PDB file of N, CA and C in Angstrom:
ATOM      1  N   UNK A   1       0.873  -1.045   0.214  1.00  0.00           N
ATOM      2  CA  UNK A   1      -0.053   0.303   0.096  1.00  0.00           C
ATOM      3  C   UNK A   1       1.121   1.051  -0.352  1.00  0.00           C
ATOM      4  N   UNK A   2       0.607   2.485  -1.120  1.00  0.00           N
ATOM      5  CA  UNK A   2       1.200   3.326  -0.933  1.00  0.00           C
ATOM      6  C   UNK A   2       3.130   3.223  -0.699  1.00  0.00           C
ATOM      7  N   UNK A   3       3.807   2.157  -1.778  1.00  0.00           N
ATOM      8  CA  UNK A   3       5.009   1.916  -1.559  1.00  0.00           C
ATOM      9  C   UNK A   3       5.009   0.769  -1.376  1.00  0.00           C
ATOM     10  N   UNK A   4       4.390  -0.036  -0.267  1.00  0.00           N
ATOM     11  CA  UNK A   4       4.429  -0.402   1.475  1.00  0.00           C
ATOM     12  C   UNK A   4       4.665  -1.791   0.818  1.00  0.00           C
ATOM     13  N   UNK A   5       5.233  -2.899   1.848  1.00  0.00           N
ATOM     14  CA  UNK A   5       4.376  -4.084   1.896  1.00  0.00           C
ATOM     15  C   UNK A   5       3.614  -3.792   2.871  1.00  0.00           C
ATOM     16  N   UNK A   6       2.181  -4.556   3.478  1.00  0.00           N
ATOM     17  CA  UNK A   6       1.760  -4.430   4.167  1.00  0.00           C
ATOM     18  C   UNK A   6       1.634  -6.526   4.731  1.00  0.00           C
ATOM     19  N   UNK A   7       0.922  -6.451   5.507  1.00  0.00           N
ATOM     20  CA  UNK A   7       0.427  -7.921   6.010  1.00  0.00           C
ATOM     21  C   UNK A   7      -0.878  -8.291   6.259  1.00  0.00           C
ATOM     22  N   UNK A   8      -1.380  -8.453   6.103  1.00  0.00           N
ATOM     23  CA  UNK A   8      -3.214  -8.346   6.700  1.00  0.00           C
ATOM     24  C   UNK A   8      -2.956  -9.962   7.280  1.00  0.00           C
ATOM     25  N   UNK A   9      -4.227  -9.913   8.580  1.00  0.00           N
ATOM     26  CA  UNK A   9      -4.385 -11.336   8.817  1.00  0.00           C
ATOM     27  C   UNK A   9      -5.865 -11.339   9.252  1.00  0.00           C
ATOM     28  N   UNK A  10      -7.229 -12.439   8.354  1.00  0.00           N
ATOM     29  CA  UNK A  10      -8.892 -12.653   7.899  1.00  0.00           C
ATOM     30  C   UNK A  10      -8.620 -13.429   8.848  1.00  0.00           C
ATOM     31  N   UNK A  11     -10.179 -12.743   9.587  1.00  0.00           N
ATOM     32  CA  UNK A  11     -10.035 -13.181  10.593  1.00  0.00           C
ATOM     33  C   UNK A  11     -12.218 -13.562   9.794  1.00  0.00           C
ATOM     34  N   UNK A  12     -12.385 -15.366  10.314  1.00  0.00           N
ATOM     35  CA  UNK A  12     -13.418 -15.021   9.724  1.00  0.00           C
ATOM     36  C   UNK A  12     -14.308 -15.709  10.636  1.00  0.00           C
ATOM     37  N   UNK A  13     -15.491 -14.988  10.700  1.00  0.00           N
ATOM     38  CA  UNK A  13     -16.086 -14.714  11.066  1.00  0.00           C
ATOM     39  C   UNK A  13     -17.247 -15.618  11.001  1.00  0.00           C
ATOM     40  N   UNK A  14     -18.370 -16.939  10.758  1.00  0.00           N
ATOM     41  CA  UNK A  14     -19.233 -17.309  10.307  1.00  0.00           C
ATOM     42  C   UNK A  14     -19.884 -18.033  10.752  1.00  0.00           C
ATOM     43  N   UNK A  15     -21.378 -17.937  10.234  1.00  0.00           N
ATOM     44  CA  UNK A  15     -22.257 -17.885  11.638  1.00  0.00           C
ATOM     45  C   UNK A  15     -22.319 -16.935  12.572  1.00  0.00           C
ATOM     46  N   UNK A  16     -22.799 -15.054  12.452  1.00  0.00           N
ATOM     47  CA  UNK A  16     -22.115 -14.200  13.940  1.00  0.00           C
ATOM     48  C   UNK A  16     -23.882 -14.523  14.032  1.00  0.00           C
ATOM     49  N   UNK A  17     -23.589 -14.769  16.001  1.00  0.00           N
ATOM     50  CA  UNK A  17     -25.093 -15.058  16.098  1.00  0.00           C
ATOM     51  C   UNK A  17     -25.510 -13.794  16.813  1.00  0.00           C
ATOM     52  N   UNK A  18     -26.381 -12.990  16.551  1.00  0.00           N
ATOM     53  CA  UNK A  18     -26.829 -11.465  17.428  1.00  0.00           C
ATOM     54  C   UNK A  18     -28.313 -11.813  18.006  1.00  0.00           C
ATOM     55  N   UNK A  19     -28.562 -10.759  18.652  1.00  0.00           N
ATOM     56  CA  UNK A  19     -29.907 -10.870  19.274  1.00  0.00           C
ATOM     57  C   UNK A  19     -29.915  -9.416  19.906  1.00  0.00           C
ATOM     58  N   UNK A  20     -30.949  -9.007  18.806  1.00  0.00           N
ATOM     59  CA  UNK A  20     -30.995  -7.791  19.620  1.00  0.00           C
ATOM     60  C   UNK A  20     -32.567  -7.363  20.663  1.00  0.00           C
ATOM     61  N   UNK A  21     -32.691  -7.361  21.650  1.00  0.00           N
ATOM     62  CA  UNK A  21     -33.084  -6.656  22.929  1.00  0.00           C
ATOM     63  C   UNK A  21     -33.170  -5.117  23.663  1.00  0.00           C
ATOM     64  N   UNK A  22     -34.342  -6.302  24.542  1.00  0.00           N
ATOM     65  CA  UNK A  22     -34.523  -3.872  24.549  1.00  0.00           C
ATOM     66  C   UNK A  22     -33.123  -3.834  25.549  1.00  0.00           C
ATOM     67  N   UNK A  23     -32.317  -4.508  26.219  1.00  0.00           N
ATOM     68  CA  UNK A  23     -31.665  -4.841  26.918  1.00  0.00           C
ATOM     69  C   UNK A  23     -29.310  -4.657  25.307  1.00  0.00           C
ATOM     70  N   UNK A  24     -29.868  -3.960  24.056  1.00  0.00           N
ATOM     71  CA  UNK A  24     -28.622  -4.398  23.193  1.00  0.00           C
ATOM     72  C   UNK A  24     -28.532  -5.084  22.564  1.00  0.00           C
ATOM     73  N   UNK A  25     -27.211  -5.235  21.674  1.00  0.00           N
ATOM     74  CA  UNK A  25     -26.830  -6.054  21.413  1.00  0.00           C
ATOM     75  C   UNK A  25     -25.603  -8.043  21.682  1.00  0.00           C
ATOM     76  N   UNK A  26     -26.374  -8.108  21.643  1.00  0.00           N
ATOM     77  CA  UNK A  26     -25.185  -9.127  22.090  1.00  0.00           C
ATOM     78  C   UNK A  26     -24.476  -9.990  21.456  1.00  0.00           C
ATOM     79  N   UNK A  27     -23.357 -10.128  20.940  1.00  0.00           N
ATOM     80  CA  UNK A  27     -22.251 -10.923  20.079  1.00  0.00           C
ATOM     81  C   UNK A  27     -22.153 -12.006  20.873  1.00  0.00           C
ATOM     82  N   UNK A  28     -21.476 -12.714  19.604  1.00  0.00           N
ATOM     83  CA  UNK A  28     -20.454 -14.689  20.860  1.00  0.00           C
ATOM     84  C   UNK A  28     -19.289 -13.942  21.357  1.00  0.00           C
ATOM     85  N   UNK A  29     -18.779 -14.199  22.562  1.00  0.00           N
ATOM     86  CA  UNK A  29     -17.438 -13.317  21.971  1.00  0.00           C
ATOM     87  C   UNK A  29     -16.544 -14.495  21.463  1.00  0.00           C
ATOM     88  N   UNK A  30     -16.875 -14.544  21.063  1.00  0.00           N
ATOM     89  CA  UNK A  30     -15.435 -15.031  19.382  1.00  0.00           C
ATOM     90  C   UNK A  30     -15.124 -13.270  18.566  1.00  0.00           C
ATOM     91  N   UNK A  31     -16.165 -12.636  18.664  1.00  0.00           N
ATOM     92  CA  UNK A  31     -17.195 -11.611  17.759  1.00  0.00           C
ATOM     93  C   UNK A  31     -16.454 -10.520  17.840  1.00  0.00           C
ATOM     94  N   UNK A  32     -16.654 -11.422  19.455  1.00  0.00           N
ATOM     95  CA  UNK A  32     -15.929  -9.046  20.337  1.00  0.00           C
ATOM     96  C   UNK A  32     -15.002  -9.393  20.590  1.00  0.00           C
ATOM     97  N   UNK A  33     -14.288 -10.152  20.796  1.00  0.00           N
ATOM     98  CA  UNK A  33     -12.843 -10.484  20.241  1.00  0.00           C
ATOM     99  C   UNK A  33     -12.062 -10.226  19.478  1.00  0.00           C
ATOM    100  N   UNK A  34     -12.394 -10.304  18.257  1.00  0.00           N
ATOM    101  CA  UNK A  34     -12.192  -9.728  16.951  1.00  0.00           C
ATOM    102  C   UNK A  34     -12.857  -9.175  16.938  1.00  0.00           C
ATOM    103  N   UNK A  35     -13.948  -8.211  17.228  1.00  0.00           N
ATOM    104  CA  UNK A  35     -13.686  -6.440  16.587  1.00  0.00           C
ATOM    105  C   UNK A  35     -12.613  -5.868  17.675  1.00  0.00           C
ATOM    106  N   UNK A  36     -12.789  -6.420  18.779  1.00  0.00           N
ATOM    107  CA  UNK A  36     -11.845  -5.357  19.533  1.00  0.00           C
ATOM    108  C   UNK A  36     -10.545  -5.221  18.237  1.00  0.00           C
ATOM    109  N   UNK A  37      -9.952  -6.132  18.975  1.00  0.00           N
ATOM    110  CA  UNK A  37      -8.230  -6.009  17.454  1.00  0.00           C
ATOM    111  C   UNK A  37      -7.876  -5.916  16.530  1.00  0.00           C
ATOM    112  N   UNK A  38      -9.583  -5.079  15.273  1.00  0.00           N
ATOM    113  CA  UNK A  38      -9.038  -5.631  14.515  1.00  0.00           C
ATOM    114  C   UNK A  38      -8.735  -3.536  13.949  1.00  0.00           C
ATOM    115  N   UNK A  39      -8.187  -4.042  12.676  1.00  0.00           N
ATOM    116  CA  UNK A  39      -7.497  -2.369  12.442  1.00  0.00           C
ATOM    117  C   UNK A  39      -9.180  -1.847  11.535  1.00  0.00           C
ATOM    118  N   UNK A  40      -9.343  -3.223  10.727  1.00  0.00           N
ATOM    119  CA  UNK A  40     -10.952  -2.591   9.905  1.00  0.00           C
ATOM    120  C   UNK A  40     -11.060  -4.589   9.253  1.00  0.00           C
ATOM    121  N   UNK A  41     -12.634  -3.512   8.782  1.00  0.00           N
ATOM    122  CA  UNK A  41     -13.817  -4.646   8.001  1.00  0.00           C
ATOM    123  C   UNK A  41     -13.909  -4.787   7.436  1.00  0.00           C
ATOM    124  N   UNK A  42     -14.348  -6.039   6.831  1.00  0.00           N
ATOM    125  CA  UNK A  42     -15.061  -5.925   5.216  1.00  0.00           C
ATOM    126  C   UNK A  42     -16.456  -6.804   6.098  1.00  0.00           C
ATOM    127  N   UNK A  43     -17.011  -6.579   6.227  1.00  0.00           N
ATOM    128  CA  UNK A  43     -18.285  -7.184   6.025  1.00  0.00           C
ATOM    129  C   UNK A  43     -19.814  -7.453   4.916  1.00  0.00           C
ATOM    130  N   UNK A  44     -19.821  -9.167   4.281  1.00  0.00           N
ATOM    131  CA  UNK A  44     -20.315  -9.653   3.326  1.00  0.00           C
ATOM    132  C   UNK A  44     -21.157 -10.616   3.598  1.00  0.00           C
ATOM    133  N   UNK A  45     -22.863 -10.205   2.339  1.00  0.00           N
ATOM    134  CA  UNK A  45     -23.637 -10.862   2.918  1.00  0.00           C
ATOM    135  C   UNK A  45     -24.103 -10.919   1.069  1.00  0.00           C
ATOM    136  N   UNK A  46     -24.948 -11.899   1.525  1.00  0.00           N
ATOM    137  CA  UNK A  46     -25.626 -13.212   0.415  1.00  0.00           C
ATOM    138  C   UNK A  46     -26.698 -12.266   0.104  1.00  0.00           C
ATOM    139  N   UNK A  47     -26.851 -11.648  -2.137  1.00  0.00           N
ATOM    140  CA  UNK A  47     -27.746 -11.250  -2.068  1.00  0.00           C
ATOM    141  C   UNK A  47     -29.155 -12.509  -2.360  1.00  0.00           C
ATOM    142  N   UNK A  48     -28.723 -13.457  -1.957  1.00  0.00           N
ATOM    143  CA  UNK A  48     -29.584 -15.193  -1.860  1.00  0.00           C
ATOM    144  C   UNK A  48     -29.740 -15.338  -1.095  1.00  0.00           C
ATOM    145  N   UNK A  49     -29.799 -14.403   0.441  1.00  0.00           N
ATOM    146  CA  UNK A  49     -29.194 -14.896   1.658  1.00  0.00           C
ATOM    147  C   UNK A  49     -30.297 -13.866   2.329  1.00  0.00           C
ATOM    148  N   UNK A  50     -31.379 -13.059   2.558  1.00  0.00           N
ATOM    149  CA  UNK A  50     -31.911 -12.269   3.072  1.00  0.00           C
ATOM    150  C   UNK A  50     -31.381 -11.842   4.558  1.00  0.00           C
ATOM    151  N   UNK A  51     -31.593 -12.929   5.326  1.00  0.00           N
ATOM    152  CA  UNK A  51     -30.958 -12.794   6.576  1.00  0.00           C
ATOM    153  C   UNK A  51     -29.618 -12.998   6.932  1.00  0.00           C
ATOM    154  N   UNK A  52     -28.533 -13.334   5.698  1.00  0.00           N
ATOM    155  CA  UNK A  52     -27.631 -12.176   5.913  1.00  0.00           C
ATOM    156  C   UNK A  52     -27.336 -11.212   5.086  1.00  0.00           C
ATOM    157  N   UNK A  53     -28.154 -10.852   4.535  1.00  0.00           N
ATOM    158  CA  UNK A  53     -27.852  -8.972   4.785  1.00  0.00           C
ATOM    159  C   UNK A  53     -29.375  -8.665   6.438  1.00  0.00           C
ATOM    160  N   UNK A  54     -29.797  -8.409   6.915  1.00  0.00           N
ATOM    161  CA  UNK A  54     -30.414  -8.362   7.903  1.00  0.00           C
ATOM    162  C   UNK A  54     -29.400  -8.291   9.220  1.00  0.00           C
ATOM    163  N   UNK A  55     -28.259  -9.156   9.226  1.00  0.00           N
ATOM    164  CA  UNK A  55     -27.324  -9.181  10.534  1.00  0.00           C
ATOM    165  C   UNK A  55     -26.581  -8.174  10.117  1.00  0.00           C
ATOM    166  N   UNK A  56     -25.821  -7.443   8.915  1.00  0.00           N
ATOM    167  CA  UNK A  56     -24.784  -6.084   8.457  1.00  0.00           C
ATOM    168  C   UNK A  56     -25.601  -5.478   9.497  1.00  0.00           C
ATOM    169  N   UNK A  57     -26.721  -4.525   9.493  1.00  0.00           N
ATOM    170  CA  UNK A  57     -27.242  -3.221  10.255  1.00  0.00           C
ATOM    171  C   UNK A  57     -25.782  -3.310  11.756  1.00  0.00           C
ATOM    172  N   UNK A  58     -26.861  -4.586  12.479  1.00  0.00           N
ATOM    173  CA  UNK A  58     -26.640  -5.028  13.691  1.00  0.00           C
ATOM    174  C   UNK A  58     -25.000  -5.091  13.936  1.00  0.00           C
ATOM    175  N   UNK A  59     -24.753  -5.896  12.433  1.00  0.00           N
ATOM    176  CA  UNK A  59     -22.988  -6.153  13.213  1.00  0.00           C
ATOM    177  C   UNK A  59     -22.195  -5.208  13.056  1.00  0.00           C
ATOM    178  N   UNK A  60     -23.049  -3.777  11.968  1.00  0.00           N
ATOM    179  CA  UNK A  60     -21.949  -2.691  12.174  1.00  0.00           C
ATOM    180  C   UNK A  60     -21.633  -1.558  12.704  1.00  0.00           C
ATOM    181  N   UNK A  61     -23.735  -1.729  13.462  1.00  0.00           N
ATOM    182  CA  UNK A  61     -24.135  -0.916  14.916  1.00  0.00           C
ATOM    183  C   UNK A  61     -23.599  -0.820  15.981  1.00  0.00           C
ATOM    184  N   UNK A  62     -23.022  -2.569  15.798  1.00  0.00           N
ATOM    185  CA  UNK A  62     -22.010  -3.532  17.096  1.00  0.00           C
ATOM    186  C   UNK A  62     -20.232  -3.011  16.750  1.00  0.00           C
ATOM    187  N   UNK A  63     -20.708  -2.129  15.916  1.00  0.00           N
ATOM    188  CA  UNK A  63     -19.114  -2.671  15.132  1.00  0.00           C
ATOM    189  C   UNK A  63     -18.587  -0.334  16.123  1.00  0.00           C
ATOM    190  N   UNK A  64     -19.437   0.221  15.225  1.00  0.00           N
ATOM    191  CA  UNK A  64     -19.322   1.177  15.864  1.00  0.00           C
ATOM    192  C   UNK A  64     -19.352   2.064  17.317  1.00  0.00           C
ATOM    193  N   UNK A  65     -19.721   1.017  17.844  1.00  0.00           N
ATOM    194  CA  UNK A  65     -20.217   0.844  19.331  1.00  0.00           C
ATOM    195  C   UNK A  65     -19.320   0.437  20.293  1.00  0.00           C
ATOM    196  N   UNK A  66     -18.263  -0.312  19.719  1.00  0.00           N
ATOM    197  CA  UNK A  66     -16.996  -0.184  20.454  1.00  0.00           C
ATOM    198  C   UNK A  66     -15.579   0.317  19.880  1.00  0.00           C
ATOM    199  N   UNK A  67     -15.819   1.447  18.217  1.00  0.00           N
ATOM    200  CA  UNK A  67     -14.740   2.393  17.799  1.00  0.00           C
ATOM    201  C   UNK A  67     -15.854   2.980  17.709  1.00  0.00           C
ATOM    202  N   UNK A  68     -16.090   3.788  18.333  1.00  0.00           N
ATOM    203  CA  UNK A  68     -17.161   5.195  18.147  1.00  0.00           C
ATOM    204  C   UNK A  68     -16.238   6.617  17.204  1.00  0.00           C
ATOM    205  N   UNK A  69     -15.263   6.813  17.030  1.00  0.00           N
ATOM    206  CA  UNK A  69     -14.293   7.286  16.687  1.00  0.00           C
ATOM    207  C   UNK A  69     -14.525   8.024  14.994  1.00  0.00           C
ATOM    208  N   UNK A  70     -14.761   6.433  14.765  1.00  0.00           N
ATOM    209  CA  UNK A  70     -15.250   6.505  13.347  1.00  0.00           C
ATOM    210  C   UNK A  70     -13.575   6.218  12.360  1.00  0.00           C
ATOM    211  N   UNK A  71     -12.936   6.010  13.001  1.00  0.00           N
ATOM    212  CA  UNK A  71     -11.424   6.415  11.860  1.00  0.00           C
ATOM    213  C   UNK A  71     -11.456   4.842  11.786  1.00  0.00           C
ATOM    214  N   UNK A  72     -12.162   3.014  12.059  1.00  0.00           N
ATOM    215  CA  UNK A  72     -12.114   2.293  12.022  1.00  0.00           C
ATOM    216  C   UNK A  72     -12.245   2.508  10.101  1.00  0.00           C
ATOM    217  N   UNK A  73     -11.919   2.110   9.164  1.00  0.00           N
ATOM    218  CA  UNK A  73     -12.164   1.351   7.751  1.00  0.00           C
ATOM    219  C   UNK A  73     -13.028   0.006   7.858  1.00  0.00           C
ATOM    220  N   UNK A  74     -14.689   0.350   7.532  1.00  0.00           N
ATOM    221  CA  UNK A  74     -15.375  -1.502   6.497  1.00  0.00           C
ATOM    222  C   UNK A  74     -16.549  -1.013   5.161  1.00  0.00           C
ATOM    223  N   UNK A  75     -15.637  -1.924   4.987  1.00  0.00           N
ATOM    224  CA  UNK A  75     -16.038  -2.638   3.900  1.00  0.00           C
ATOM    225  C   UNK A  75     -16.931  -3.436   3.572  1.00  0.00           C
ATOM    226  N   UNK A  76     -18.750  -3.476   3.145  1.00  0.00           N
ATOM    227  CA  UNK A  76     -19.576  -4.431   2.726  1.00  0.00           C
ATOM    228  C   UNK A  76     -19.116  -4.972   1.407  1.00  0.00           C
ATOM    229  N   UNK A  77     -19.664  -5.979   0.951  1.00  0.00           N
ATOM    230  CA  UNK A  77     -19.283  -6.585   0.025  1.00  0.00           C
ATOM    231  C   UNK A  77     -21.287  -7.605  -0.185  1.00  0.00           C
ATOM    232  N   UNK A  78     -21.322  -8.130  -1.155  1.00  0.00           N
ATOM    233  CA  UNK A  78     -22.234  -7.928  -1.544  1.00  0.00           C
ATOM    234  C   UNK A  78     -21.794  -9.643  -2.663  1.00  0.00           C
ATOM    235  N   UNK A  79     -22.249 -10.851  -2.357  1.00  0.00           N
ATOM    236  CA  UNK A  79     -21.800 -12.295  -2.555  1.00  0.00           C
ATOM    237  C   UNK A  79     -23.636 -12.536  -2.854  1.00  0.00           C
ATOM    238  N   UNK A  80     -23.651 -12.877  -4.538  1.00  0.00           N
ATOM    239  CA  UNK A  80     -24.170 -14.165  -4.694  1.00  0.00           C
ATOM    240  C   UNK A  80     -24.474 -13.794  -6.944  1.00  0.00           C
ATOM    241  N   UNK A  81     -25.108 -14.775  -6.771  1.00  0.00           N
ATOM    242  CA  UNK A  81     -25.830 -14.500  -8.445  1.00  0.00           C
ATOM    243  C   UNK A  81     -26.815 -13.193  -8.600  1.00  0.00           C
ATOM    244  N   UNK A  82     -25.953 -12.439  -9.610  1.00  0.00           N
ATOM    245  CA  UNK A  82     -26.944 -11.643  -9.669  1.00  0.00           C
ATOM    246  C   UNK A  82     -27.457 -11.397 -11.644  1.00  0.00           C
ATOM    247  N   UNK A  83     -28.401 -11.167 -11.981  1.00  0.00           N
ATOM    248  CA  UNK A  83     -28.815 -11.810 -12.815  1.00  0.00           C
ATOM    249  C   UNK A  83     -29.824 -10.313 -13.019  1.00  0.00           C
ATOM    250  N   UNK A  84     -29.664  -9.291 -14.734  1.00  0.00           N
ATOM    251  CA  UNK A  84     -29.950  -8.668 -15.250  1.00  0.00           C
ATOM    252  C   UNK A  84     -31.143  -9.108 -15.646  1.00  0.00           C
ATOM    253  N   UNK A  85     -32.641  -9.178 -15.606  1.00  0.00           N
ATOM    254  CA  UNK A  85     -33.230  -9.578 -16.351  1.00  0.00           C
ATOM    255  C   UNK A  85     -34.442  -8.452 -16.150  1.00  0.00           C
TER     256      UNK A  85
END
């Protein structure tokens, strides 16, 4: 990046379990640990699975609660088959 070599560590956290209730958002402990140490995030959802899309917003809000400065990059990636018919 910018002429310098950069090392990336990817932490895959499949099957994120999120619950929204009166007391706020609860994430699995592994997800919370990943959110605290990460320097950036890639949130992936499938256009063929609406539940994966619905998970993105609360997960993004949870990330912003942990990193309120907003200086952490978040990339949203859409996957799946898309046909323009």
